[in-house]
């Protein structure tokens, strides 16, 4: 964690998992990400990464999940504005309780 010690007390975790929408899936056909990977599996993978990455000591420290979302992002058109919400990836926030 950039030279900082891991959190040792209770923490709250919020996360947004962003996936590229397949070209074969229109917004009308599937507006929300309702296919695998399951949200609970993504949460478990995130907690494992937080422990392995030295952010928290043990995933048992997480005593609350804030907003945890999985969603599609649509690739911006050439020349269009590109920000965090328009690219696939993960945004996670860990806060001490």
PDB file of N, CA and C in Angstrom:
ATOM      1  N   UNK A   1       0.825  -1.180   0.000  1.00  0.00           N
ATOM      2  CA  UNK A   1       0.000   0.000   0.000  1.00  0.00           C
ATOM      3  C   UNK A   1       0.874   1.251   0.000  1.00  0.00           C
ATOM      4  N   UNK A   2       1.755   1.315  -0.932  1.00  0.00           N
ATOM      5  CA  UNK A   2       2.653   2.470  -1.082  1.00  0.00           C
ATOM      6  C   UNK A   2       3.424   2.788   0.190  1.00  0.00           C
ATOM      7  N   UNK A   3       3.941   1.763   0.828  1.00  0.00           N
ATOM      8  CA  UNK A   3       4.769   1.967   2.004  1.00  0.00           C
ATOM      9  C   UNK A   3       4.011   2.135   3.310  1.00  0.00           C
ATOM     10  N   UNK A   4       2.689   2.145   3.264  1.00  0.00           N
ATOM     11  CA  UNK A   4       1.904   2.268   4.492  1.00  0.00           C
ATOM     12  C   UNK A   4       1.584   0.876   5.029  1.00  0.00           C
ATOM     13  N   UNK A   5       1.454   0.762   6.344  1.00  0.00           N
ATOM     14  CA  UNK A   5       1.066  -0.541   6.890  1.00  0.00           C
ATOM     15  C   UNK A   5      -0.388  -0.840   6.550  1.00  0.00           C
ATOM     16  N   UNK A   6      -0.748  -2.114   6.534  1.00  0.00           N
ATOM     17  CA  UNK A   6      -2.139  -2.469   6.223  1.00  0.00           C
ATOM     18  C   UNK A   6      -3.099  -2.023   7.334  1.00  0.00           C
ATOM     19  N   UNK A   7      -4.351  -1.843   6.951  1.00  0.00           N
ATOM     20  CA  UNK A   7      -5.379  -1.583   7.955  1.00  0.00           C
ATOM     21  C   UNK A   7      -5.470  -2.799   8.865  1.00  0.00           C
ATOM     22  N   UNK A   8      -5.636  -2.577  10.151  1.00  0.00           N
ATOM     23  CA  UNK A   8      -5.717  -3.703  11.087  1.00  0.00           C
ATOM     24  C   UNK A   8      -7.072  -3.784  11.775  1.00  0.00           C
ATOM     25  N   UNK A   9      -7.856  -2.735  11.711  1.00  0.00           N
ATOM     26  CA  UNK A   9      -9.170  -2.712  12.344  1.00  0.00           C
ATOM     27  C   UNK A   9     -10.263  -2.998  11.331  1.00  0.00           C
ATOM     28  N   UNK A  10     -11.513  -2.787  11.732  1.00  0.00           N
ATOM     29  CA  UNK A  10     -12.637  -3.028  10.823  1.00  0.00           C
ATOM     30  C   UNK A  10     -12.626  -2.038   9.656  1.00  0.00           C
ATOM     31  N   UNK A  11     -13.039  -2.519   8.489  1.00  0.00           N
ATOM     32  CA  UNK A  11     -13.056  -1.684   7.291  1.00  0.00           C
ATOM     33  C   UNK A  11     -14.372  -1.849   6.529  1.00  0.00           C
ATOM     34  N   UNK A  12     -14.657  -0.841   5.709  1.00  0.00           N
ATOM     35  CA  UNK A  12     -15.795  -0.849   4.793  1.00  0.00           C
ATOM     36  C   UNK A  12     -15.219  -0.885   3.380  1.00  0.00           C
ATOM     37  N   UNK A  13     -15.768  -1.735   2.521  1.00  0.00           N
ATOM     38  CA  UNK A  13     -15.281  -1.859   1.149  1.00  0.00           C
ATOM     39  C   UNK A  13     -16.414  -1.544   0.177  1.00  0.00           C
ATOM     40  N   UNK A  14     -16.137  -0.665  -0.774  1.00  0.00           N
ATOM     41  CA  UNK A  14     -17.054  -0.379  -1.879  1.00  0.00           C
ATOM     42  C   UNK A  14     -16.306  -0.670  -3.170  1.00  0.00           C
ATOM     43  N   UNK A  15     -17.027  -1.126  -4.193  1.00  0.00           N
ATOM     44  CA  UNK A  15     -16.349  -1.465  -5.443  1.00  0.00           C
ATOM     45  C   UNK A  15     -17.285  -1.351  -6.633  1.00  0.00           C
ATOM     46  N   UNK A  16     -16.704  -0.997  -7.773  1.00  0.00           N
ATOM     47  CA  UNK A  16     -17.416  -1.031  -9.050  1.00  0.00           C
ATOM     48  C   UNK A  16     -16.577  -1.851 -10.013  1.00  0.00           C
ATOM     49  N   UNK A  17     -17.155  -2.944 -10.485  1.00  0.00           N
ATOM     50  CA  UNK A  17     -16.513  -3.811 -11.472  1.00  0.00           C
ATOM     51  C   UNK A  17     -17.093  -3.451 -12.835  1.00  0.00           C
ATOM     52  N   UNK A  18     -16.234  -3.020 -13.777  1.00  0.00           N
ATOM     53  CA  UNK A  18     -16.688  -2.579 -15.092  1.00  0.00           C
ATOM     54  C   UNK A  18     -16.210  -3.557 -16.170  1.00  0.00           C
ATOM     55  N   UNK A  19     -17.156  -3.988 -17.013  1.00  0.00           N
ATOM     56  CA  UNK A  19     -16.871  -4.940 -18.083  1.00  0.00           C
ATOM     57  C   UNK A  19     -17.228  -4.337 -19.424  1.00  0.00           C
ATOM     58  N   UNK A  20     -16.385  -4.623 -20.434  1.00  0.00           N
ATOM     59  CA  UNK A  20     -16.736  -4.205 -21.791  1.00  0.00           C
ATOM     60  C   UNK A  20     -17.965  -4.983 -22.247  1.00  0.00           C
ATOM     61  N   UNK A  21     -18.882  -4.284 -22.892  1.00  0.00           N
ATOM     62  CA  UNK A  21     -20.062  -4.949 -23.441  1.00  0.00           C
ATOM     63  C   UNK A  21     -19.646  -5.671 -24.724  1.00  0.00           C
ATOM     64  N   UNK A  22     -19.950  -6.982 -24.834  1.00  0.00           N
ATOM     65  CA  UNK A  22     -19.622  -7.685 -26.079  1.00  0.00           C
ATOM     66  C   UNK A  22     -20.361  -7.048 -27.263  1.00  0.00           C
ATOM     67  N   UNK A  23     -19.738  -7.040 -28.431  1.00  0.00           N
ATOM     68  CA  UNK A  23     -20.374  -6.454 -29.616  1.00  0.00           C
ATOM     69  C   UNK A  23     -21.685  -7.154 -29.945  1.00  0.00           C
ATOM     70  N   UNK A  24     -21.796  -8.433 -29.587  1.00  0.00           N
ATOM     71  CA  UNK A  24     -23.006  -9.199 -29.905  1.00  0.00           C
ATOM     72  C   UNK A  24     -24.161  -8.923 -28.934  1.00  0.00           C
ATOM     73  N   UNK A  25     -23.920  -8.110 -27.908  1.00  0.00           N
ATOM     74  CA  UNK A  25     -24.952  -7.842 -26.902  1.00  0.00           C
ATOM     75  C   UNK A  25     -25.319  -6.357 -26.930  1.00  0.00           C
ATOM     76  N   UNK A  26     -26.545  -6.085 -27.344  1.00  0.00           N
ATOM     77  CA  UNK A  26     -26.990  -4.691 -27.418  1.00  0.00           C
ATOM     78  C   UNK A  26     -27.478  -4.223 -26.044  1.00  0.00           C
ATOM     79  N   UNK A  27     -27.565  -2.921 -25.893  1.00  0.00           N
ATOM     80  CA  UNK A  27     -28.077  -2.346 -24.651  1.00  0.00           C
ATOM     81  C   UNK A  27     -29.521  -2.780 -24.446  1.00  0.00           C
ATOM     82  N   UNK A  28     -30.281  -2.862 -25.535  1.00  0.00           N
ATOM     83  CA  UNK A  28     -31.683  -3.296 -25.426  1.00  0.00           C
ATOM     84  C   UNK A  28     -31.782  -4.761 -25.006  1.00  0.00           C
ATOM     85  N   UNK A  29     -30.896  -5.594 -25.561  1.00  0.00           N
ATOM     86  CA  UNK A  29     -30.941  -7.029 -25.270  1.00  0.00           C
ATOM     87  C   UNK A  29     -30.568  -7.324 -23.815  1.00  0.00           C
ATOM     88  N   UNK A  30     -29.512  -6.684 -23.325  1.00  0.00           N
ATOM     89  CA  UNK A  30     -29.059  -6.907 -21.951  1.00  0.00           C
ATOM     90  C   UNK A  30     -28.520  -5.598 -21.391  1.00  0.00           C
ATOM     91  N   UNK A  31     -29.413  -4.775 -20.790  1.00  0.00           N
ATOM     92  CA  UNK A  31     -28.963  -3.479 -20.276  1.00  0.00           C
ATOM     93  C   UNK A  31     -28.044  -3.579 -19.062  1.00  0.00           C
ATOM     94  N   UNK A  32     -28.166  -4.655 -18.299  1.00  0.00           N
ATOM     95  CA  UNK A  32     -27.358  -4.822 -17.093  1.00  0.00           C
ATOM     96  C   UNK A  32     -26.495  -6.068 -17.204  1.00  0.00           C
ATOM     97  N   UNK A  33     -25.384  -6.077 -16.479  1.00  0.00           N
ATOM     98  CA  UNK A  33     -24.460  -7.219 -16.498  1.00  0.00           C
ATOM     99  C   UNK A  33     -25.040  -8.322 -15.612  1.00  0.00           C
ATOM    100  N   UNK A  34     -25.785  -9.235 -16.240  1.00  0.00           N
ATOM    101  CA  UNK A  34     -26.465 -10.300 -15.493  1.00  0.00           C
ATOM    102  C   UNK A  34     -25.925 -11.683 -15.834  1.00  0.00           C
ATOM    103  N   UNK A  35     -24.683 -11.728 -16.288  1.00  0.00           N
ATOM    104  CA  UNK A  35     -24.042 -12.998 -16.618  1.00  0.00           C
ATOM    105  C   UNK A  35     -22.791 -13.151 -15.756  1.00  0.00           C
ATOM    106  N   UNK A  36     -22.144 -14.327 -15.869  1.00  0.00           N
ATOM    107  CA  UNK A  36     -20.934 -14.557 -15.086  1.00  0.00           C
ATOM    108  C   UNK A  36     -19.862 -13.565 -15.469  1.00  0.00           C
ATOM    109  N   UNK A  37     -18.975 -13.228 -14.573  1.00  0.00           N
ATOM    110  CA  UNK A  37     -18.793 -13.764 -13.225  1.00  0.00           C
ATOM    111  C   UNK A  37     -19.817 -13.202 -12.243  1.00  0.00           C
ATOM    112  N   UNK A  38     -20.202 -14.051 -11.287  1.00  0.00           N
ATOM    113  CA  UNK A  38     -21.157 -13.663 -10.259  1.00  0.00           C
ATOM    114  C   UNK A  38     -20.548 -12.612  -9.346  1.00  0.00           C
ATOM    115  N   UNK A  39     -21.403 -11.733  -8.838  1.00  0.00           N
ATOM    116  CA  UNK A  39     -20.931 -10.646  -7.990  1.00  0.00           C
ATOM    117  C   UNK A  39     -20.245 -11.164  -6.724  1.00  0.00           C
ATOM    118  N   UNK A  40     -20.764 -12.240  -6.135  1.00  0.00           N
ATOM    119  CA  UNK A  40     -20.138 -12.752  -4.907  1.00  0.00           C
ATOM    120  C   UNK A  40     -18.733 -13.289  -5.181  1.00  0.00           C
ATOM    121  N   UNK A  41     -18.512 -13.857  -6.360  1.00  0.00           N
ATOM    122  CA  UNK A  41     -17.165 -14.342  -6.711  1.00  0.00           C
ATOM    123  C   UNK A  41     -16.211 -13.162  -6.925  1.00  0.00           C
ATOM    124  N   UNK A  42     -16.719 -12.088  -7.527  1.00  0.00           N
ATOM    125  CA  UNK A  42     -15.892 -10.896  -7.708  1.00  0.00           C
ATOM    126  C   UNK A  42     -15.520 -10.292  -6.356  1.00  0.00           C
ATOM    127  N   UNK A  43     -16.475 -10.269  -5.425  1.00  0.00           N
ATOM    128  CA  UNK A  43     -16.187  -9.744  -4.078  1.00  0.00           C
ATOM    129  C   UNK A  43     -15.100 -10.568  -3.400  1.00  0.00           C
ATOM    130  N   UNK A  44     -15.215 -11.893  -3.501  1.00  0.00           N
ATOM    131  CA  UNK A  44     -14.201 -12.764  -2.867  1.00  0.00           C
ATOM    132  C   UNK A  44     -12.823 -12.541  -3.482  1.00  0.00           C
ATOM    133  N   UNK A  45     -12.783 -12.405  -4.806  1.00  0.00           N
ATOM    134  CA  UNK A  45     -11.494 -12.157  -5.479  1.00  0.00           C
ATOM    135  C   UNK A  45     -10.909 -10.817  -5.043  1.00  0.00           C
ATOM    136  N   UNK A  46     -11.767  -9.818  -4.898  1.00  0.00           N
ATOM    137  CA  UNK A  46     -11.299  -8.504  -4.439  1.00  0.00           C
ATOM    138  C   UNK A  46     -10.732  -8.595  -3.028  1.00  0.00           C
ATOM    139  N   UNK A  47     -11.425  -9.281  -2.134  1.00  0.00           N
ATOM    140  CA  UNK A  47     -10.934  -9.407  -0.755  1.00  0.00           C
ATOM    141  C   UNK A  47      -9.603 -10.153  -0.714  1.00  0.00           C
ATOM    142  N   UNK A  48      -9.478 -11.206  -1.508  1.00  0.00           N
ATOM    143  CA  UNK A  48      -8.199 -11.928  -1.582  1.00  0.00           C
ATOM    144  C   UNK A  48      -7.083 -10.993  -2.068  1.00  0.00           C
ATOM    145  N   UNK A  49      -7.389 -10.160  -3.061  1.00  0.00           N
ATOM    146  CA  UNK A  49      -6.392  -9.228  -3.586  1.00  0.00           C
ATOM    147  C   UNK A  49      -6.026  -8.167  -2.553  1.00  0.00           C
ATOM    148  N   UNK A  50      -6.997  -7.712  -1.756  1.00  0.00           N
ATOM    149  CA  UNK A  50      -6.707  -6.722  -0.716  1.00  0.00           C
ATOM    150  C   UNK A  50      -5.771  -7.294   0.345  1.00  0.00           C
ATOM    151  N   UNK A  51      -5.958  -8.573   0.673  1.00  0.00           N
ATOM    152  CA  UNK A  51      -5.069  -9.235   1.641  1.00  0.00           C
ATOM    153  C   UNK A  51      -3.693  -9.451   1.013  1.00  0.00           C
ATOM    154  N   UNK A  52      -3.673 -10.049  -0.190  1.00  0.00           N
ATOM    155  CA  UNK A  52      -2.398 -10.337  -0.859  1.00  0.00           C
ATOM    156  C   UNK A  52      -1.607  -9.068  -1.165  1.00  0.00           C
ATOM    157  N   UNK A  53      -2.304  -7.977  -1.425  1.00  0.00           N
ATOM    158  CA  UNK A  53      -1.654  -6.716  -1.748  1.00  0.00           C
ATOM    159  C   UNK A  53      -1.248  -5.902  -0.530  1.00  0.00           C
ATOM    160  N   UNK A  54      -1.559  -6.401   0.663  1.00  0.00           N
ATOM    161  CA  UNK A  54      -1.139  -5.719   1.874  1.00  0.00           C
ATOM    162  C   UNK A  54      -2.006  -4.542   2.288  1.00  0.00           C
ATOM    163  N   UNK A  55      -3.224  -4.471   1.769  1.00  0.00           N
ATOM    164  CA  UNK A  55      -4.127  -3.380   2.149  1.00  0.00           C
ATOM    165  C   UNK A  55      -4.801  -3.675   3.490  1.00  0.00           C
ATOM    166  N   UNK A  56      -5.187  -4.941   3.684  1.00  0.00           N
ATOM    167  CA  UNK A  56      -5.768  -5.383   4.954  1.00  0.00           C
ATOM    168  C   UNK A  56      -5.058  -6.656   5.387  1.00  0.00           C
ATOM    169  N   UNK A  57      -5.141  -6.964   6.672  1.00  0.00           N
ATOM    170  CA  UNK A  57      -4.456  -8.141   7.194  1.00  0.00           C
ATOM    171  C   UNK A  57      -5.260  -9.409   6.923  1.00  0.00           C
ATOM    172  N   UNK A  58      -6.582  -9.319   7.077  1.00  0.00           N
ATOM    173  CA  UNK A  58      -7.454 -10.484   6.950  1.00  0.00           C
ATOM    174  C   UNK A  58      -8.791 -10.024   6.405  1.00  0.00           C
ATOM    175  N   UNK A  59      -9.395 -10.818   5.520  1.00  0.00           N
ATOM    176  CA  UNK A  59     -10.673 -10.390   4.960  1.00  0.00           C
ATOM    177  C   UNK A  59     -11.808 -10.401   5.990  1.00  0.00           C
ATOM    178  N   UNK A  60     -11.566 -10.997   7.156  1.00  0.00           N
ATOM    179  CA  UNK A  60     -12.552 -10.954   8.240  1.00  0.00           C
ATOM    180  C   UNK A  60     -12.706  -9.535   8.795  1.00  0.00           C
ATOM    181  N   UNK A  61     -11.770  -8.651   8.490  1.00  0.00           N
ATOM    182  CA  UNK A  61     -11.849  -7.256   8.945  1.00  0.00           C
ATOM    183  C   UNK A  61     -12.988  -6.498   8.270  1.00  0.00           C
ATOM    184  N   UNK A  62     -13.421  -6.972   7.103  1.00  0.00           N
ATOM    185  CA  UNK A  62     -14.490  -6.286   6.379  1.00  0.00           C
ATOM    186  C   UNK A  62     -15.807  -6.584   7.089  1.00  0.00           C
ATOM    187  N   UNK A  63     -16.347  -5.556   7.736  1.00  0.00           N
ATOM    188  CA  UNK A  63     -17.606  -5.779   8.444  1.00  0.00           C
ATOM    189  C   UNK A  63     -18.765  -5.067   7.760  1.00  0.00           C
ATOM    190  N   UNK A  64     -18.471  -4.419   6.614  1.00  0.00           N
ATOM    191  CA  UNK A  64     -19.548  -3.794   5.847  1.00  0.00           C
ATOM    192  C   UNK A  64     -19.114  -3.622   4.403  1.00  0.00           C
ATOM    193  N   UNK A  65     -20.036  -3.921   3.499  1.00  0.00           N
ATOM    194  CA  UNK A  65     -19.847  -3.591   2.097  1.00  0.00           C
ATOM    195  C   UNK A  65     -20.695  -2.366   1.817  1.00  0.00           C
ATOM    196  N   UNK A  66     -20.068  -1.373   1.215  1.00  0.00           N
ATOM    197  CA  UNK A  66     -20.837  -0.236   0.732  1.00  0.00           C
ATOM    198  C   UNK A  66     -21.464  -0.658  -0.585  1.00  0.00           C
ATOM    199  N   UNK A  67     -21.512   0.212  -1.517  1.00  0.00           N
ATOM    200  CA  UNK A  67     -22.040  -0.108  -2.844  1.00  0.00           C
ATOM    201  C   UNK A  67     -21.057  -1.037  -3.566  1.00  0.00           C
ATOM    202  N   UNK A  68     -21.555  -2.171  -4.029  1.00  0.00           N
ATOM    203  CA  UNK A  68     -20.748  -3.095  -4.833  1.00  0.00           C
ATOM    204  C   UNK A  68     -21.561  -3.385  -6.088  1.00  0.00           C
ATOM    205  N   UNK A  69     -21.014  -3.002  -7.245  1.00  0.00           N
ATOM    206  CA  UNK A  69     -21.763  -3.037  -8.499  1.00  0.00           C
ATOM    207  C   UNK A  69     -20.921  -3.681  -9.588  1.00  0.00           C
ATOM    208  N   UNK A  70     -21.584  -4.435 -10.469  1.00  0.00           N
ATOM    209  CA  UNK A  70     -20.926  -4.865 -11.705  1.00  0.00           C
ATOM    210  C   UNK A  70     -21.770  -4.311 -12.840  1.00  0.00           C
ATOM    211  N   UNK A  71     -21.089  -3.752 -13.831  1.00  0.00           N
ATOM    212  CA  UNK A  71     -21.831  -3.109 -14.910  1.00  0.00           C
ATOM    213  C   UNK A  71     -21.050  -3.151 -16.205  1.00  0.00           C
ATOM    214  N   UNK A  72     -21.788  -2.931 -17.298  1.00  0.00           N
ATOM    215  CA  UNK A  72     -21.156  -2.812 -18.604  1.00  0.00           C
ATOM    216  C   UNK A  72     -20.704  -1.377 -18.818  1.00  0.00           C
ATOM    217  N   UNK A  73     -19.619  -1.242 -19.542  1.00  0.00           N
ATOM    218  CA  UNK A  73     -19.207   0.065 -20.054  1.00  0.00           C
ATOM    219  C   UNK A  73     -19.149  -0.063 -21.569  1.00  0.00           C
ATOM    220  N   UNK A  74     -19.573   0.968 -22.234  1.00  0.00           N
ATOM    221  CA  UNK A  74     -19.532   0.972 -23.688  1.00  0.00           C
ATOM    222  C   UNK A  74     -18.315   1.756 -24.135  1.00  0.00           C
ATOM    223  N   UNK A  75     -17.555   1.188 -25.057  1.00  0.00           N
ATOM    224  CA  UNK A  75     -16.341   1.831 -25.547  1.00  0.00           C
ATOM    225  C   UNK A  75     -16.703   3.158 -26.204  1.00  0.00           C
ATOM    226  N   UNK A  76     -16.038   4.239 -25.794  1.00  0.00           N
ATOM    227  CA  UNK A  76     -16.346   5.526 -26.406  1.00  0.00           C
ATOM    228  C   UNK A  76     -16.008   5.539 -27.897  1.00  0.00           C
ATOM    229  N   UNK A  77     -16.752   6.339 -28.647  1.00  0.00           N
ATOM    230  CA  UNK A  77     -16.483   6.476 -30.079  1.00  0.00           C
ATOM    231  C   UNK A  77     -15.156   7.200 -30.258  1.00  0.00           C
ATOM    232  N   UNK A  78     -14.471   6.974 -31.396  1.00  0.00           N
ATOM    233  CA  UNK A  78     -13.203   7.672 -31.638  1.00  0.00           C
ATOM    234  C   UNK A  78     -13.378   9.183 -31.461  1.00  0.00           C
ATOM    235  N   UNK A  79     -12.467   9.773 -30.725  1.00  0.00           N
ATOM    236  CA  UNK A  79     -12.541  11.197 -30.467  1.00  0.00           C
ATOM    237  C   UNK A  79     -13.440  11.559 -29.304  1.00  0.00           C
ATOM    238  N   UNK A  80     -14.132  10.558 -28.746  1.00  0.00           N
ATOM    239  CA  UNK A  80     -15.030  10.809 -27.627  1.00  0.00           C
ATOM    240  C   UNK A  80     -14.271  10.877 -26.318  1.00  0.00           C
ATOM    241  N   UNK A  81     -14.919  11.419 -25.322  1.00  0.00           N
ATOM    242  CA  UNK A  81     -14.306  11.572 -24.006  1.00  0.00           C
ATOM    243  C   UNK A  81     -14.183  10.212 -23.333  1.00  0.00           C
ATOM    244  N   UNK A  82     -13.033   9.925 -22.776  1.00  0.00           N
ATOM    245  CA  UNK A  82     -12.781   8.645 -22.106  1.00  0.00           C
ATOM    246  C   UNK A  82     -12.460   8.923 -20.648  1.00  0.00           C
ATOM    247  N   UNK A  83     -13.237   8.351 -19.747  1.00  0.00           N
ATOM    248  CA  UNK A  83     -12.953   8.506 -18.330  1.00  0.00           C
ATOM    249  C   UNK A  83     -13.030   7.139 -17.656  1.00  0.00           C
ATOM    250  N   UNK A  84     -12.918   7.135 -16.337  1.00  0.00           N
ATOM    251  CA  UNK A  84     -12.905   5.886 -15.589  1.00  0.00           C
ATOM    252  C   UNK A  84     -14.165   5.064 -15.827  1.00  0.00           C
ATOM    253  N   UNK A  85     -15.313   5.724 -15.961  1.00  0.00           N
ATOM    254  CA  UNK A  85     -16.566   4.996 -16.146  1.00  0.00           C
ATOM    255  C   UNK A  85     -16.766   4.490 -17.563  1.00  0.00           C
ATOM    256  N   UNK A  86     -15.858   4.781 -18.469  1.00  0.00           N
ATOM    257  CA  UNK A  86     -16.011   4.306 -19.837  1.00  0.00           C
ATOM    258  C   UNK A  86     -14.949   3.269 -20.203  1.00  0.00           C
ATOM    259  N   UNK A  87     -14.188   2.818 -19.219  1.00  0.00           N
ATOM    260  CA  UNK A  87     -13.185   1.787 -19.476  1.00  0.00           C
ATOM    261  C   UNK A  87     -13.392   0.614 -18.522  1.00  0.00           C
ATOM    262  N   UNK A  88     -13.108  -0.589 -19.018  1.00  0.00           N
ATOM    263  CA  UNK A  88     -13.242  -1.769 -18.174  1.00  0.00           C
ATOM    264  C   UNK A  88     -12.209  -1.733 -17.067  1.00  0.00           C
ATOM    265  N   UNK A  89     -12.566  -2.289 -15.932  1.00  0.00           N
ATOM    266  CA  UNK A  89     -11.631  -2.322 -14.819  1.00  0.00           C
ATOM    267  C   UNK A  89     -12.352  -2.377 -13.483  1.00  0.00           C
ATOM    268  N   UNK A  90     -11.653  -1.982 -12.452  1.00  0.00           N
ATOM    269  CA  UNK A  90     -12.182  -2.031 -11.091  1.00  0.00           C
ATOM    270  C   UNK A  90     -11.813  -0.761 -10.351  1.00  0.00           C
ATOM    271  N   UNK A  91     -12.766  -0.215  -9.652  1.00  0.00           N
ATOM    272  CA  UNK A  91     -12.509   0.868  -8.721  1.00  0.00           C
ATOM    273  C   UNK A  91     -12.939   0.363  -7.354  1.00  0.00           C
ATOM    274  N   UNK A  92     -12.021   0.358  -6.398  1.00  0.00           N
ATOM    275  CA  UNK A  92     -12.340  -0.115  -5.052  1.00  0.00           C
ATOM    276  C   UNK A  92     -11.919   0.946  -4.029  1.00  0.00           C
ATOM    277  N   UNK A  93     -12.740   1.105  -3.018  1.00  0.00           N
ATOM    278  CA  UNK A  93     -12.448   2.039  -1.937  1.00  0.00           C
ATOM    279  C   UNK A  93     -12.499   1.256  -0.628  1.00  0.00           C
ATOM    280  N   UNK A  94     -11.439   1.381   0.171  1.00  0.00           N
ATOM    281  CA  UNK A  94     -11.373   0.729   1.482  1.00  0.00           C
ATOM    282  C   UNK A  94     -11.229   1.833   2.525  1.00  0.00           C
ATOM    283  N   UNK A  95     -12.130   1.847   3.490  1.00  0.00           N
ATOM    284  CA  UNK A  95     -12.098   2.880   4.532  1.00  0.00           C
ATOM    285  C   UNK A  95     -12.108   2.232   5.911  1.00  0.00           C
ATOM    286  N   UNK A  96     -11.356   2.844   6.810  1.00  0.00           N
ATOM    287  CA  UNK A  96     -11.409   2.381   8.195  1.00  0.00           C
ATOM    288  C   UNK A  96     -12.767   2.707   8.787  1.00  0.00           C
ATOM    289  N   UNK A  97     -13.203   1.870   9.663  1.00  0.00           N
ATOM    290  CA  UNK A  97     -14.479   2.069  10.352  1.00  0.00           C
ATOM    291  C   UNK A  97     -14.306   3.001  11.489  1.00  0.00           C
TER     292      UNK A  97
END
